[in-house]
């Protein structure tokens, strides 16, 4: 199973963006979306921005993912 994770767009450079997920930065391809700007939130899947989401939805999703991690720690 694959998941898309909410990420905040830090900067845009043509068809790619620097995004942040809880202070860890990644490069995301923007070829599937139009009008992505710094400050937007996107759903990141396999290196591709697949959808724009609002900040509240992104933050709630990250909060829930963190709860799952705490409930089922590795090891």
C-alpha atoms as a PDB file:
ATOM      1  CA  UNK A   1       0.000   0.000   0.000  1.00  0.00           C
ATOM      2  CA  UNK A   2       1.237   3.478  -0.848  1.00  0.00           C
ATOM      3  CA  UNK A   3       0.426   6.675   0.960  1.00  0.00           C
ATOM      4  CA  UNK A   4       0.468  10.299  -0.038  1.00  0.00           C
ATOM      5  CA  UNK A   5       1.814  12.585   2.674  1.00  0.00           C
ATOM      6  CA  UNK A   6       0.958  16.285   3.111  1.00  0.00           C
ATOM      7  CA  UNK A   7       3.915  18.577   2.478  1.00  0.00           C
ATOM      8  CA  UNK A   8       4.319  22.354   2.649  1.00  0.00           C
ATOM      9  CA  UNK A   9       5.784  24.024  -0.426  1.00  0.00           C
ATOM     10  CA  UNK A  10       8.888  26.032   0.475  1.00  0.00           C
ATOM     11  CA  UNK A  11       9.894  27.184  -3.024  1.00  0.00           C
ATOM     12  CA  UNK A  12       9.010  26.520  -6.649  1.00  0.00           C
ATOM     13  CA  UNK A  13      11.538  26.229  -9.480  1.00  0.00           C
ATOM     14  CA  UNK A  14       9.836  25.462 -12.788  1.00  0.00           C
ATOM     15  CA  UNK A  15       8.302  21.986 -12.650  1.00  0.00           C
ATOM     16  CA  UNK A  16       9.735  21.105  -9.246  1.00  0.00           C
ATOM     17  CA  UNK A  17       9.360  22.336  -5.711  1.00  0.00           C
ATOM     18  CA  UNK A  18      11.232  22.148  -2.452  1.00  0.00           C
ATOM     19  CA  UNK A  19       8.736  20.860   0.104  1.00  0.00           C
ATOM     20  CA  UNK A  20       8.871  20.220   3.834  1.00  0.00           C
ATOM     21  CA  UNK A  21       7.315  17.440   5.882  1.00  0.00           C
ATOM     22  CA  UNK A  22       7.816  18.181   9.558  1.00  0.00           C
ATOM     23  CA  UNK A  23      11.106  20.054   8.931  1.00  0.00           C
ATOM     24  CA  UNK A  24      12.539  17.438   6.548  1.00  0.00           C
ATOM     25  CA  UNK A  25      12.923  18.778   3.013  1.00  0.00           C
ATOM     26  CA  UNK A  26      12.275  16.893  -0.223  1.00  0.00           C
ATOM     27  CA  UNK A  27      12.078  17.701  -3.921  1.00  0.00           C
ATOM     28  CA  UNK A  28       8.681  17.192  -5.520  1.00  0.00           C
ATOM     29  CA  UNK A  29       7.736  17.097  -9.176  1.00  0.00           C
ATOM     30  CA  UNK A  30       4.930  19.521 -10.039  1.00  0.00           C
ATOM     31  CA  UNK A  31       4.200  18.168 -13.512  1.00  0.00           C
ATOM     32  CA  UNK A  32       0.755  16.919 -12.426  1.00  0.00           C
ATOM     33  CA  UNK A  33      -0.457  20.205 -10.880  1.00  0.00           C
ATOM     34  CA  UNK A  34      -0.914  23.826 -11.943  1.00  0.00           C
ATOM     35  CA  UNK A  35      -0.555  26.995  -9.904  1.00  0.00           C
ATOM     36  CA  UNK A  36       1.488  25.671  -6.966  1.00  0.00           C
ATOM     37  CA  UNK A  37       3.032  28.449  -4.892  1.00  0.00           C
ATOM     38  CA  UNK A  38       5.229  28.718  -1.802  1.00  0.00           C
ATOM     39  CA  UNK A  39       3.070  28.290   1.288  1.00  0.00           C
ATOM     40  CA  UNK A  40       0.671  25.866  -0.419  1.00  0.00           C
ATOM     41  CA  UNK A  41       0.223  22.339   0.874  1.00  0.00           C
ATOM     42  CA  UNK A  42       0.351  19.408  -1.521  1.00  0.00           C
ATOM     43  CA  UNK A  43      -0.068  15.674  -1.203  1.00  0.00           C
ATOM     44  CA  UNK A  44       3.295  14.075  -2.023  1.00  0.00           C
ATOM     45  CA  UNK A  45       3.303  10.559  -3.478  1.00  0.00           C
ATOM     46  CA  UNK A  46       6.418   8.846  -4.872  1.00  0.00           C
ATOM     47  CA  UNK A  47       8.062  12.218  -5.472  1.00  0.00           C
ATOM     48  CA  UNK A  48       5.062  13.749  -7.256  1.00  0.00           C
ATOM     49  CA  UNK A  49       2.692  16.440  -6.035  1.00  0.00           C
ATOM     50  CA  UNK A  50      -0.677  14.854  -6.822  1.00  0.00           C
ATOM     51  CA  UNK A  51      -3.156  17.243  -5.198  1.00  0.00           C
ATOM     52  CA  UNK A  52      -3.323  20.586  -3.429  1.00  0.00           C
ATOM     53  CA  UNK A  53      -4.885  20.542   0.053  1.00  0.00           C
ATOM     54  CA  UNK A  54      -5.713  23.261   2.531  1.00  0.00           C
ATOM     55  CA  UNK A  55      -3.453  23.839   5.514  1.00  0.00           C
ATOM     56  CA  UNK A  56      -5.986  22.634   8.084  1.00  0.00           C
ATOM     57  CA  UNK A  57      -6.503  19.307   6.307  1.00  0.00           C
ATOM     58  CA  UNK A  58      -2.740  18.828   5.886  1.00  0.00           C
ATOM     59  CA  UNK A  59      -1.993  19.524   9.545  1.00  0.00           C
ATOM     60  CA  UNK A  60      -4.782  17.199  10.735  1.00  0.00           C
ATOM     61  CA  UNK A  61      -3.505  14.399   8.491  1.00  0.00           C
ATOM     62  CA  UNK A  62       0.046  14.806   9.824  1.00  0.00           C
ATOM     63  CA  UNK A  63      -1.282  14.805  13.401  1.00  0.00           C
ATOM     64  CA  UNK A  64      -3.138  11.543  12.782  1.00  0.00           C
ATOM     65  CA  UNK A  65      -0.108   9.936  11.125  1.00  0.00           C
ATOM     66  CA  UNK A  66       2.013  10.888  14.133  1.00  0.00           C
ATOM     67  CA  UNK A  67      -0.531   9.275  16.451  1.00  0.00           C
ATOM     68  CA  UNK A  68      -0.309   6.032  14.464  1.00  0.00           C
ATOM     69  CA  UNK A  69       3.478   6.081  14.716  1.00  0.00           C
ATOM     70  CA  UNK A  70       3.325   6.557  18.479  1.00  0.00           C
ATOM     71  CA  UNK A  71       0.763   3.757  18.848  1.00  0.00           C
ATOM     72  CA  UNK A  72       2.807   1.293  16.781  1.00  0.00           C
ATOM     73  CA  UNK A  73       6.484   2.156  17.300  1.00  0.00           C
ATOM     74  CA  UNK A  74       8.996   0.100  15.352  1.00  0.00           C
ATOM     75  CA  UNK A  75      11.145  -2.365  17.215  1.00  0.00           C
END
